Amino acid sequence: MATRAPVAAGRLLGGVRKWYYNMCGFNKIGLMRDDTIYEDADVKEAIRRLPEAVYNDRMFRIKRALDLSMKQQILPKDQWTKYEEDVHYLTPYLDEVIRERKEKEEWMKK
């Protein structure tokens, strides 16, 4: 009986995440979560490190989203980015950039 509570809570939390993801709306114009991250210096460096194909895919999604936004349109529902398909493609590069920056800052203190 005790093991059911964490499973139920996990399903509920997953449902809430999926609901919130869909409420944000960026998926309706074909964007992924990592496409919406504010571009500070760390994010710009992480984007610079992306493989060319991943970078090109990102730019296509952003340009398409800007075009749709200017036309005040959304994609047909079958073309929306699905929660299960949203890959955090930039996060590993961003984590690496931040780790390197912090390491460099620590080194400069010495």
PDB file of N, CA and C in Angstrom:
ATOM      1  N   MET A   1       0.816  -1.184   0.000  1.00  0.00           N
ATOM      2  CA  MET A   1       0.000   0.000   0.000  1.00  0.00           C
ATOM      3  C   MET A   1       0.867   1.258   0.000  1.00  0.00           C
ATOM      4  N   ALA A   2       1.986   1.235   0.706  1.00  0.00           N
ATOM      5  CA  ALA A   2       2.841   2.415   0.805  1.00  0.00           C
ATOM      6  C   ALA A   2       3.495   2.742  -0.531  1.00  0.00           C
ATOM      7  N   THR A   3       3.723   1.755  -1.397  1.00  0.00           N
ATOM      8  CA  THR A   3       4.378   2.024  -2.673  1.00  0.00           C
ATOM      9  C   THR A   3       3.436   2.679  -3.680  1.00  0.00           C
ATOM     10  N   ARG A   4       2.152   2.574  -3.481  1.00  0.00           N
ATOM     11  CA  ARG A   4       1.211   3.186  -4.413  1.00  0.00           C
ATOM     12  C   ARG A   4       1.225   4.708  -4.346  1.00  0.00           C
ATOM     13  N   ALA A   5       1.434   5.263  -3.160  1.00  0.00           N
ATOM     14  CA  ALA A   5       1.413   6.719  -2.997  1.00  0.00           C
ATOM     15  C   ALA A   5       2.484   7.404  -3.847  1.00  0.00           C
ATOM     16  N   PRO A   6       3.768   6.953  -3.803  1.00  0.00           N
ATOM     17  CA  PRO A   6       4.771   7.606  -4.648  1.00  0.00           C
ATOM     18  C   PRO A   6       4.464   7.457  -6.142  1.00  0.00           C
ATOM     19  N   VAL A   7       3.934   6.315  -6.550  1.00  0.00           N
ATOM     20  CA  VAL A   7       3.602   6.107  -7.952  1.00  0.00           C
ATOM     21  C   VAL A   7       2.487   7.055  -8.371  1.00  0.00           C
ATOM     22  N   ALA A   8       1.459   7.165  -7.551  1.00  0.00           N
ATOM     23  CA  ALA A   8       0.342   8.062  -7.843  1.00  0.00           C
ATOM     24  C   ALA A   8       0.811   9.516  -7.864  1.00  0.00           C
ATOM     25  N   ALA A   9       1.651   9.872  -6.906  1.00  0.00           N
ATOM     26  CA  ALA A   9       2.172  11.241  -6.853  1.00  0.00           C
ATOM     27  C   ALA A   9       3.028  11.526  -8.083  1.00  0.00           C
ATOM     28  N   GLY A  10       3.807  10.541  -8.516  1.00  0.00           N
ATOM     29  CA  GLY A  10       4.633  10.698  -9.716  1.00  0.00           C
ATOM     30  C   GLY A  10       3.788  10.907 -10.956  1.00  0.00           C
ATOM     31  N   ARG A  11       2.701  10.150 -11.065  1.00  0.00           N
ATOM     32  CA  ARG A  11       1.790  10.311 -12.206  1.00  0.00           C
ATOM     33  C   ARG A  11       1.118  11.676 -12.183  1.00  0.00           C
ATOM     34  N   LEU A  12       0.710  12.095 -10.992  1.00  0.00           N
ATOM     35  CA  LEU A  12       0.075  13.403 -10.848  1.00  0.00           C
ATOM     36  C   LEU A  12       1.048  14.512 -11.231  1.00  0.00           C
ATOM     37  N   LEU A  13       2.274  14.431 -10.729  1.00  0.00           N
ATOM     38  CA  LEU A  13       3.286  15.432 -11.041  1.00  0.00           C
ATOM     39  C   LEU A  13       3.580  15.439 -12.541  1.00  0.00           C
ATOM     40  N   GLY A  14       3.660  14.262 -13.148  1.00  0.00           N
ATOM     41  CA  GLY A  14       3.867  14.181 -14.597  1.00  0.00           C
ATOM     42  C   GLY A  14       2.728  14.815 -15.362  1.00  0.00           C
ATOM     43  N   GLY A  15       1.517  14.606 -14.894  1.00  0.00           N
ATOM     44  CA  GLY A  15       0.350  15.219 -15.519  1.00  0.00           C
ATOM     45  C   GLY A  15       0.363  16.730 -15.409  1.00  0.00           C
ATOM     46  N   VAL A  16       0.768  17.229 -14.243  1.00  0.00           N
ATOM     47  CA  VAL A  16       0.852  18.669 -14.031  1.00  0.00           C
ATOM     48  C   VAL A  16       1.939  19.270 -14.931  1.00  0.00           C
ATOM     49  N   ARG A  17       3.071  18.590 -15.040  1.00  0.00           N
ATOM     50  CA  ARG A  17       4.152  19.073 -15.910  1.00  0.00           C
ATOM     51  C   ARG A  17       3.690  19.150 -17.362  1.00  0.00           C
ATOM     52  N   LYS A  18       3.003  18.110 -17.804  1.00  0.00           N
ATOM     53  CA  LYS A  18       2.512  18.071 -19.179  1.00  0.00           C
ATOM     54  C   LYS A  18       1.483  19.176 -19.404  1.00  0.00           C
ATOM     55  N   TRP A  19       0.587  19.378 -18.440  1.00  0.00           N
ATOM     56  CA  TRP A  19      -0.409  20.441 -18.538  1.00  0.00           C
ATOM     57  C   TRP A  19       0.277  21.805 -18.618  1.00  0.00           C
ATOM     58  N   TYR A  20       1.243  22.044 -17.744  1.00  0.00           N
ATOM     59  CA  TYR A  20       1.959  23.323 -17.726  1.00  0.00           C
ATOM     60  C   TYR A  20       2.709  23.532 -19.041  1.00  0.00           C
ATOM     61  N   TYR A  21       3.334  22.476 -19.530  1.00  0.00           N
ATOM     62  CA  TYR A  21       4.068  22.538 -20.802  1.00  0.00           C
ATOM     63  C   TYR A  21       3.135  23.013 -21.915  1.00  0.00           C
ATOM     64  N   ASN A  22       1.949  22.424 -21.991  1.00  0.00           N
ATOM     65  CA  ASN A  22       0.991  22.804 -23.026  1.00  0.00           C
ATOM     66  C   ASN A  22       0.432  24.208 -22.808  1.00  0.00           C
ATOM     67  N   MET A  23       0.313  24.651 -21.560  1.00  0.00           N
ATOM     68  CA  MET A  23      -0.205  25.985 -21.267  1.00  0.00           C
ATOM     69  C   MET A  23       0.795  27.080 -21.647  1.00  0.00           C
ATOM     70  N   CYS A  24       2.091  26.764 -21.629  1.00  0.00           N
ATOM     71  CA  CYS A  24       3.105  27.766 -21.978  1.00  0.00           C
ATOM     72  C   CYS A  24       2.933  28.238 -23.420  1.00  0.00           C
ATOM     73  N   GLY A  25       2.542  27.347 -24.309  1.00  0.00           N
ATOM     74  CA  GLY A  25       2.202  27.733 -25.672  1.00  0.00           C
ATOM     75  C   GLY A  25       3.319  27.702 -26.690  1.00  0.00           C
ATOM     76  N   PHE A  26       4.571  27.656 -26.262  1.00  0.00           N
ATOM     77  CA  PHE A  26       5.655  27.662 -27.242  1.00  0.00           C
ATOM     78  C   PHE A  26       5.624  26.435 -28.141  1.00  0.00           C
ATOM     79  N   ASN A  27       5.073  25.342 -27.624  1.00  0.00           N
ATOM     80  CA  ASN A  27       4.999  24.119 -28.428  1.00  0.00           C
ATOM     81  C   ASN A  27       4.014  24.266 -29.590  1.00  0.00           C
ATOM     82  N   LYS A  28       3.071  25.184 -29.463  1.00  0.00           N
ATOM     83  CA  LYS A  28       2.061  25.380 -30.511  1.00  0.00           C
ATOM     84  C   LYS A  28       2.638  26.089 -31.732  1.00  0.00           C
ATOM     85  N   ILE A  29       3.827  26.696 -31.571  1.00  0.00           N
ATOM     86  CA  ILE A  29       4.511  27.302 -32.713  1.00  0.00           C
ATOM     87  C   ILE A  29       5.783  26.518 -33.054  1.00  0.00           C
ATOM     88  N   GLY A  30       5.861  25.295 -32.545  1.00  0.00           N
ATOM     89  CA  GLY A  30       6.922  24.373 -32.932  1.00  0.00           C
ATOM     90  C   GLY A  30       8.227  24.502 -32.188  1.00  0.00           C
ATOM     91  N   LEU A  31       8.247  25.254 -31.087  1.00  0.00           N
ATOM     92  CA  LEU A  31       9.480  25.415 -30.329  1.00  0.00           C
ATOM     93  C   LEU A  31       9.640  24.316 -29.286  1.00  0.00           C
ATOM     94  N   MET A  32      10.889  24.097 -28.896  1.00  0.00           N
ATOM     95  CA  MET A  32      11.208  23.220 -27.773  1.00  0.00           C
ATOM     96  C   MET A  32      11.548  24.118 -26.583  1.00  0.00           C
ATOM     97  N   ARG A  33      11.536  23.538 -25.404  1.00  0.00           N
ATOM     98  CA  ARG A  33      11.813  24.311 -24.185  1.00  0.00           C
ATOM     99  C   ARG A  33      13.159  25.026 -24.288  1.00  0.00           C
ATOM    100  N   ASP A  34      14.189  24.328 -24.752  1.00  0.00           N
ATOM    101  CA  ASP A  34      15.525  24.932 -24.819  1.00  0.00           C
ATOM    102  C   ASP A  34      15.609  26.060 -25.843  1.00  0.00           C
ATOM    103  N   ASP A  35      14.660  26.135 -26.772  1.00  0.00           N
ATOM    104  CA  ASP A  35      14.624  27.242 -27.732  1.00  0.00           C
ATOM    105  C   ASP A  35      14.219  28.545 -27.058  1.00  0.00           C
ATOM    106  N   THR A  36      13.599  28.454 -25.887  1.00  0.00           N
ATOM    107  CA  THR A  36      13.029  29.630 -25.227  1.00  0.00           C
ATOM    108  C   THR A  36      13.914  30.190 -24.110  1.00  0.00           C
ATOM    109  N   ILE A  37      15.071  29.594 -23.883  1.00  0.00           N
ATOM    110  CA  ILE A  37      15.963  30.053 -22.813  1.00  0.00           C
ATOM    111  C   ILE A  37      16.526  31.430 -23.177  1.00  0.00           C
ATOM    112  N   TYR A  38      16.497  32.363 -22.213  1.00  0.00           N
ATOM    113  CA  TYR A  38      17.057  33.699 -22.421  1.00  0.00           C
ATOM    114  C   TYR A  38      18.537  33.589 -22.774  1.00  0.00           C
ATOM    115  N   GLU A  39      18.956  34.291 -23.815  1.00  0.00           N
ATOM    116  CA  GLU A  39      20.326  34.174 -24.307  1.00  0.00           C
ATOM    117  C   GLU A  39      21.273  35.143 -23.605  1.00  0.00           C
ATOM    118  N   ASP A  40      21.809  34.703 -22.462  1.00  0.00           N
ATOM    119  CA  ASP A  40      22.879  35.451 -21.811  1.00  0.00           C
ATOM    120  C   ASP A  40      24.206  34.933 -22.389  1.00  0.00           C
ATOM    121  N   ALA A  41      25.323  35.366 -21.839  1.00  0.00           N
ATOM    122  CA  ALA A  41      26.630  34.983 -22.379  1.00  0.00           C
ATOM    123  C   ALA A  41      26.838  33.467 -22.329  1.00  0.00           C
ATOM    124  N   ASP A  42      26.412  32.829 -21.233  1.00  0.00           N
ATOM    125  CA  ASP A  42      26.577  31.378 -21.107  1.00  0.00           C
ATOM    126  C   ASP A  42      25.759  30.644 -22.164  1.00  0.00           C
ATOM    127  N   VAL A  43      24.531  31.061 -22.377  1.00  0.00           N
ATOM    128  CA  VAL A  43      23.661  30.401 -23.351  1.00  0.00           C
ATOM    129  C   VAL A  43      24.205  30.611 -24.756  1.00  0.00           C
ATOM    130  N   LYS A  44      24.685  31.806 -25.056  1.00  0.00           N
ATOM    131  CA  LYS A  44      25.261  32.070 -26.387  1.00  0.00           C
ATOM    132  C   LYS A  44      26.454  31.160 -26.654  1.00  0.00           C
ATOM    133  N   GLU A  45      27.284  30.958 -25.644  1.00  0.00           N
ATOM    134  CA  GLU A  45      28.439  30.062 -25.802  1.00  0.00           C
ATOM    135  C   GLU A  45      27.973  28.623 -25.993  1.00  0.00           C
ATOM    136  N   ALA A  46      26.959  28.205 -25.249  1.00  0.00           N
ATOM    137  CA  ALA A  46      26.427  26.845 -25.399  1.00  0.00           C
ATOM    138  C   ALA A  46      25.854  26.653 -26.807  1.00  0.00           C
ATOM    139  N   ILE A  47      25.161  27.649 -27.314  1.00  0.00           N
ATOM    140  CA  ILE A  47      24.604  27.572 -28.672  1.00  0.00           C
ATOM    141  C   ILE A  47      25.736  27.468 -29.687  1.00  0.00           C
ATOM    142  N   ARG A  48      26.796  28.220 -29.471  1.00  0.00           N
ATOM    143  CA  ARG A  48      27.951  28.188 -30.380  1.00  0.00           C
ATOM    144  C   ARG A  48      28.564  26.783 -30.455  1.00  0.00           C
ATOM    145  N   ARG A  49      28.471  26.033 -29.365  1.00  0.00           N
ATOM    146  CA  ARG A  49      29.063  24.694 -29.294  1.00  0.00           C
ATOM    147  C   ARG A  49      28.170  23.589 -29.862  1.00  0.00           C
ATOM    148  N   LEU A  50      26.938  23.913 -30.195  1.00  0.00           N
ATOM    149  CA  LEU A  50      26.031  22.886 -30.730  1.00  0.00           C
ATOM    150  C   LEU A  50      26.564  22.303 -32.031  1.00  0.00           C
ATOM    151  N   PRO A  51      26.324  21.019 -32.266  1.00  0.00           N
ATOM    152  CA  PRO A  51      26.655  20.458 -33.583  1.00  0.00           C
ATOM    153  C   PRO A  51      25.849  21.198 -34.663  1.00  0.00           C
ATOM    154  N   GLU A  52      26.399  21.283 -35.855  1.00  0.00           N
ATOM    155  CA  GLU A  52      25.779  22.077 -36.919  1.00  0.00           C
ATOM    156  C   GLU A  52      24.329  21.685 -37.195  1.00  0.00           C
ATOM    157  N   ALA A  53      24.046  20.392 -37.249  1.00  0.00           N
ATOM    158  CA  ALA A  53      22.680  19.939 -37.546  1.00  0.00           C
ATOM    159  C   ALA A  53      21.703  20.368 -36.453  1.00  0.00           C
ATOM    160  N   VAL A  54      22.109  20.276 -35.197  1.00  0.00           N
ATOM    161  CA  VAL A  54      21.254  20.676 -34.068  1.00  0.00           C
ATOM    162  C   VAL A  54      21.044  22.190 -34.102  1.00  0.00           C
ATOM    163  N   TYR A  55      22.110  22.930 -34.397  1.00  0.00           N
ATOM    164  CA  TYR A  55      22.012  24.391 -34.508  1.00  0.00           C
ATOM    165  C   TYR A  55      21.047  24.781 -35.629  1.00  0.00           C
ATOM    166  N   ASN A  56      21.174  24.129 -36.785  1.00  0.00           N
ATOM    167  CA  ASN A  56      20.302  24.431 -37.921  1.00  0.00           C
ATOM    168  C   ASN A  56      18.842  24.117 -37.599  1.00  0.00           C
ATOM    169  N   ASP A  57      18.594  23.006 -36.916  1.00  0.00           N
ATOM    170  CA  ASP A  57      17.229  22.662 -36.498  1.00  0.00           C
ATOM    171  C   ASP A  57      16.673  23.738 -35.574  1.00  0.00           C
ATOM    172  N   ARG A  58      17.493  24.204 -34.644  1.00  0.00           N
ATOM    173  CA  ARG A  58      17.084  25.252 -33.704  1.00  0.00           C
ATOM    174  C   ARG A  58      16.708  26.525 -34.466  1.00  0.00           C
ATOM    175  N   MET A  59      17.569  26.926 -35.399  1.00  0.00           N
ATOM    176  CA  MET A  59      17.313  28.150 -36.154  1.00  0.00           C
ATOM    177  C   MET A  59      16.041  28.028 -36.996  1.00  0.00           C
ATOM    178  N   PHE A  60      15.805  26.860 -37.577  1.00  0.00           N
ATOM    179  CA  PHE A  60      14.579  26.648 -38.352  1.00  0.00           C
ATOM    180  C   PHE A  60      13.350  26.824 -37.463  1.00  0.00           C
ATOM    181  N   ARG A  61      13.377  26.187 -36.279  1.00  0.00           N
ATOM    182  CA  ARG A  61      12.235  26.283 -35.364  1.00  0.00           C
ATOM    183  C   ARG A  61      11.987  27.728 -34.942  1.00  0.00           C
ATOM    184  N   ILE A  62      13.053  28.464 -34.638  1.00  0.00           N
ATOM    185  CA  ILE A  62      12.914  29.847 -34.181  1.00  0.00           C
ATOM    186  C   ILE A  62      12.386  30.734 -35.312  1.00  0.00           C
ATOM    187  N   LYS A  63      12.922  30.579 -36.516  1.00  0.00           N
ATOM    188  CA  LYS A  63      12.455  31.395 -37.649  1.00  0.00           C
ATOM    189  C   LYS A  63      10.992  31.093 -37.974  1.00  0.00           C
ATOM    190  N   ARG A  64      10.631  29.815 -37.953  1.00  0.00           N
ATOM    191  CA  ARG A  64       9.235  29.435 -38.202  1.00  0.00           C
ATOM    192  C   ARG A  64       8.326  30.018 -37.125  1.00  0.00           C
ATOM    193  N   ALA A  65       8.768  29.958 -35.874  1.00  0.00           N
ATOM    194  CA  ALA A  65       7.971  30.491 -34.763  1.00  0.00           C
ATOM    195  C   ALA A  65       7.797  32.002 -34.887  1.00  0.00           C
ATOM    196  N   LEU A  66       8.850  32.704 -35.269  1.00  0.00           N
ATOM    197  CA  LEU A  66       8.746  34.156 -35.461  1.00  0.00           C
ATOM    198  C   LEU A  66       7.765  34.486 -36.575  1.00  0.00           C
ATOM    199  N   ASP A  67       7.832  33.727 -37.666  1.00  0.00           N
ATOM    200  CA  ASP A  67       6.916  33.932 -38.784  1.00  0.00           C
ATOM    201  C   ASP A  67       5.467  33.699 -38.353  1.00  0.00           C
ATOM    202  N   LEU A  68       5.237  32.596 -37.641  1.00  0.00           N
ATOM    203  CA  LEU A  68       3.891  32.300 -37.151  1.00  0.00           C
ATOM    204  C   LEU A  68       3.404  33.373 -36.187  1.00  0.00           C
ATOM    205  N   SER A  69       4.284  33.830 -35.329  1.00  0.00           N
ATOM    206  CA  SER A  69       3.922  34.844 -34.346  1.00  0.00           C
ATOM    207  C   SER A  69       3.536  36.153 -35.040  1.00  0.00           C
ATOM    208  N   MET A  70       4.300  36.543 -36.063  1.00  0.00           N
ATOM    209  CA  MET A  70       3.981  37.772 -36.790  1.00  0.00           C
ATOM    210  C   MET A  70       2.633  37.658 -37.499  1.00  0.00           C
ATOM    211  N   LYS A  71       2.305  36.459 -37.943  1.00  0.00           N
ATOM    212  CA  LYS A  71       1.028  36.232 -38.626  1.00  0.00           C
ATOM    213  C   LYS A  71      -0.097  35.931 -37.634  1.00  0.00           C
ATOM    214  N   GLN A  72       0.259  35.890 -36.354  1.00  0.00           N
ATOM    215  CA  GLN A  72      -0.682  35.537 -35.283  1.00  0.00           C
ATOM    216  C   GLN A  72      -1.365  34.205 -35.572  1.00  0.00           C
ATOM    217  N   GLN A  73      -0.535  33.212 -35.901  1.00  0.00           N
ATOM    218  CA  GLN A  73      -1.026  31.871 -36.210  1.00  0.00           C
ATOM    219  C   GLN A  73      -0.305  30.854 -35.331  1.00  0.00           C
ATOM    220  N   ILE A  74      -0.878  29.657 -35.279  1.00  0.00           N
ATOM    221  CA  ILE A  74      -0.205  28.518 -34.648  1.00  0.00           C
ATOM    222  C   ILE A  74      -0.188  27.384 -35.662  1.00  0.00           C
ATOM    223  N   LEU A  75       0.635  26.395 -35.380  1.00  0.00           N
ATOM    224  CA  LEU A  75       0.721  25.227 -36.253  1.00  0.00           C
ATOM    225  C   LEU A  75      -0.518  24.352 -36.097  1.00  0.00           C
ATOM    226  N   PRO A  76      -0.795  23.518 -37.094  1.00  0.00           N
ATOM    227  CA  PRO A  76      -1.844  22.502 -36.902  1.00  0.00           C
ATOM    228  C   PRO A  76      -1.452  21.615 -35.713  1.00  0.00           C
ATOM    229  N   LYS A  77      -2.430  21.156 -34.965  1.00  0.00           N
ATOM    230  CA  LYS A  77      -2.167  20.424 -33.716  1.00  0.00           C
ATOM    231  C   LYS A  77      -1.230  19.231 -33.916  1.00  0.00           C
ATOM    232  N   ASP A  78      -1.302  18.552 -35.050  1.00  0.00           N
ATOM    233  CA  ASP A  78      -0.431  17.393 -35.279  1.00  0.00           C
ATOM    234  C   ASP A  78       1.036  17.794 -35.456  1.00  0.00           C
ATOM    235  N   GLN A  79       1.327  19.098 -35.589  1.00  0.00           N
ATOM    236  CA  GLN A  79       2.711  19.572 -35.734  1.00  0.00           C
ATOM    237  C   GLN A  79       3.243  20.236 -34.465  1.00  0.00           C
ATOM    238  N   TRP A  80       2.416  20.319 -33.417  1.00  0.00           N
ATOM    239  CA  TRP A  80       2.882  20.881 -32.156  1.00  0.00           C
ATOM    240  C   TRP A  80       3.995  20.004 -31.590  1.00  0.00           C
ATOM    241  N   THR A  81       4.942  20.621 -30.899  1.00  0.00           N
ATOM    242  CA  THR A  81       5.980  19.862 -30.212  1.00  0.00           C
ATOM    243  C   THR A  81       5.332  19.168 -29.023  1.00  0.00           C
ATOM    244  N   LYS A  82       5.468  17.855 -28.983  1.00  0.00           N
ATOM    245  CA  LYS A  82       4.857  17.077 -27.905  1.00  0.00           C
ATOM    246  C   LYS A  82       5.798  17.030 -26.696  1.00  0.00           C
ATOM    247  N   TYR A  83       5.207  17.030 -25.509  1.00  0.00           N
ATOM    248  CA  TYR A  83       5.966  17.000 -24.264  1.00  0.00           C
ATOM    249  C   TYR A  83       6.985  15.861 -24.266  1.00  0.00           C
ATOM    250  N   GLU A  84       6.542  14.694 -24.732  1.00  0.00           N
ATOM    251  CA  GLU A  84       7.412  13.508 -24.727  1.00  0.00           C
ATOM    252  C   GLU A  84       8.547  13.624 -25.740  1.00  0.00           C
ATOM    253  N   GLU A  85       8.401  14.469 -26.741  1.00  0.00           N
ATOM    254  CA  GLU A  85       9.415  14.608 -27.793  1.00  0.00           C
ATOM    255  C   GLU A  85      10.346  15.797 -27.549  1.00  0.00           C
ATOM    256  N   ASP A  86      10.050  16.606 -26.553  1.00  0.00           N
ATOM    257  CA  ASP A  86      10.857  17.792 -26.278  1.00  0.00           C
ATOM    258  C   ASP A  86      12.157  17.369 -25.606  1.00  0.00           C
ATOM    259  N   VAL A  87      13.232  17.436 -26.368  1.00  0.00           N
ATOM    260  CA  VAL A  87      14.550  17.011 -25.893  1.00  0.00           C
ATOM    261  C   VAL A  87      15.296  18.240 -25.372  1.00  0.00           C
ATOM    262  N   HIS A  88      15.922  18.109 -24.246  1.00  0.00           N
ATOM    263  CA  HIS A  88      16.728  19.197 -23.690  1.00  0.00           C
ATOM    264  C   HIS A  88      18.105  19.173 -24.364  1.00  0.00           C
ATOM    265  N   TYR A  89      18.144  19.580 -25.624  1.00  0.00           N
ATOM    266  CA  TYR A  89      19.352  19.476 -26.441  1.00  0.00           C
ATOM    267  C   TYR A  89      20.433  20.472 -26.030  1.00  0.00           C
ATOM    268  N   LEU A  90      20.060  21.605 -25.473  1.00  0.00           N
ATOM    269  CA  LEU A  90      21.036  22.643 -25.127  1.00  0.00           C
ATOM    270  C   LEU A  90      21.566  22.494 -23.709  1.00  0.00           C
ATOM    271  N   THR A  91      20.783  21.903 -22.845  1.00  0.00           N
ATOM    272  CA  THR A  91      21.116  21.820 -21.420  1.00  0.00           C
ATOM    273  C   THR A  91      22.495  21.213 -21.136  1.00  0.00           C
ATOM    274  N   PRO A  92      22.883  20.083 -21.771  1.00  0.00           N
ATOM    275  CA  PRO A  92      24.218  19.542 -21.471  1.00  0.00           C
ATOM    276  C   PRO A  92      25.342  20.514 -21.833  1.00  0.00           C
ATOM    277  N   TYR A  93      25.199  21.222 -22.945  1.00  0.00           N
ATOM    278  CA  TYR A  93      26.210  22.204 -23.347  1.00  0.00           C
ATOM    279  C   TYR A  93      26.225  23.385 -22.383  1.00  0.00           C
ATOM    280  N   LEU A  94      25.049  23.829 -21.957  1.00  0.00           N
ATOM    281  CA  LEU A  94      24.943  24.945 -21.023  1.00  0.00           C
ATOM    282  C   LEU A  94      25.544  24.575 -19.668  1.00  0.00           C
ATOM    283  N   ASP A  95      25.251  23.375 -19.195  1.00  0.00           N
ATOM    284  CA  ASP A  95      25.835  22.917 -17.925  1.00  0.00           C
ATOM    285  C   ASP A  95      27.355  22.920 -18.001  1.00  0.00           C
ATOM    286  N   GLU A  96      27.898  22.484 -19.135  1.00  0.00           N
ATOM    287  CA  GLU A  96      29.350  22.450 -19.325  1.00  0.00           C
ATOM    288  C   GLU A  96      29.939  23.861 -19.336  1.00  0.00           C
ATOM    289  N   VAL A  97      29.289  24.778 -20.036  1.00  0.00           N
ATOM    290  CA  VAL A  97      29.755  26.165 -20.108  1.00  0.00           C
ATOM    291  C   VAL A  97      29.753  26.797 -18.716  1.00  0.00           C
ATOM    292  N   ILE A  98      28.690  26.598 -17.963  1.00  0.00           N
ATOM    293  CA  ILE A  98      28.587  27.172 -16.613  1.00  0.00           C
ATOM    294  C   ILE A  98      29.658  26.572 -15.705  1.00  0.00           C
ATOM    295  N   ARG A  99      29.843  25.256 -15.789  1.00  0.00           N
ATOM    296  CA  ARG A  99      30.875  24.606 -14.977  1.00  0.00           C
ATOM    297  C   ARG A  99      32.255  25.173 -15.312  1.00  0.00           C
ATOM    298  N   GLU A 100      32.546  25.339 -16.601  1.00  0.00           N
ATOM    299  CA  GLU A 100      33.841  25.884 -17.014  1.00  0.00           C
ATOM    300  C   GLU A 100      34.024  27.322 -16.542  1.00  0.00           C
ATOM    301  N   ARG A 101      32.958  28.129 -16.635  1.00  0.00           N
ATOM    302  CA  ARG A 101      33.037  29.525 -16.200  1.00  0.00           C
ATOM    303  C   ARG A 101      33.307  29.608 -14.701  1.00  0.00           C
ATOM    304  N   LYS A 102      32.592  28.795 -13.915  1.00  0.00           N
ATOM    305  CA  LYS A 102      32.790  28.802 -12.460  1.00  0.00           C
ATOM    306  C   LYS A 102      34.194  28.336 -12.093  1.00  0.00           C
ATOM    307  N   GLU A 103      34.675  27.325 -12.818  1.00  0.00           N
ATOM    308  CA  GLU A 103      36.026  26.821 -12.583  1.00  0.00           C
ATOM    309  C   GLU A 103      37.049  27.909 -12.900  1.00  0.00           C
ATOM    310  N   LYS A 104      36.829  28.635 -13.997  1.00  0.00           N
ATOM    311  CA  LYS A 104      37.739  29.721 -14.372  1.00  0.00           C
ATOM    312  C   LYS A 104      37.698  30.837 -13.331  1.00  0.00           C
ATOM    313  N   GLU A 105      36.487  31.175 -12.842  1.00  0.00           N
ATOM    314  CA  GLU A 105      36.359  32.206 -11.807  1.00  0.00           C
ATOM    315  C   GLU A 105      37.102  31.808 -10.536  1.00  0.00           C
ATOM    316  N   GLU A 106      36.991  30.538 -10.158  1.00  0.00           N
ATOM    317  CA  GLU A 106      37.714  30.056  -8.965  1.00  0.00           C
ATOM    318  C   GLU A 106      39.220  30.134  -9.182  1.00  0.00           C
ATOM    319  N   TRP A 107      39.656  29.785 -10.374  1.00  0.00           N
ATOM    320  CA  TRP A 107      41.082  29.800 -10.705  1.00  0.00           C
ATOM    321  C   TRP A 107      41.620  31.238 -10.648  1.00  0.00           C
ATOM    322  N   MET A 108      40.818  32.206 -11.116  1.00  0.00           N
ATOM    323  CA  MET A 108      41.239  33.610 -11.138  1.00  0.00           C
ATOM    324  C   MET A 108      41.328  34.198  -9.730  1.00  0.00           C
ATOM    325  N   LYS A 109      40.595  33.634  -8.779  1.00  0.00           N
ATOM    326  CA  LYS A 109      40.631  34.123  -7.392  1.00  0.00           C
ATOM    327  C   LYS A 109      41.966  33.804  -6.727  1.00  0.00           C
ATOM    328  N   LYS A 110      42.625  32.754  -7.196  1.00  0.00           N
ATOM    329  CA  LYS A 110      43.855  32.297  -6.555  1.00  0.00           C
ATOM    330  C   LYS A 110      45.030  33.183  -6.890  1.00  0.00           C
TER     331      LYS A 110
END
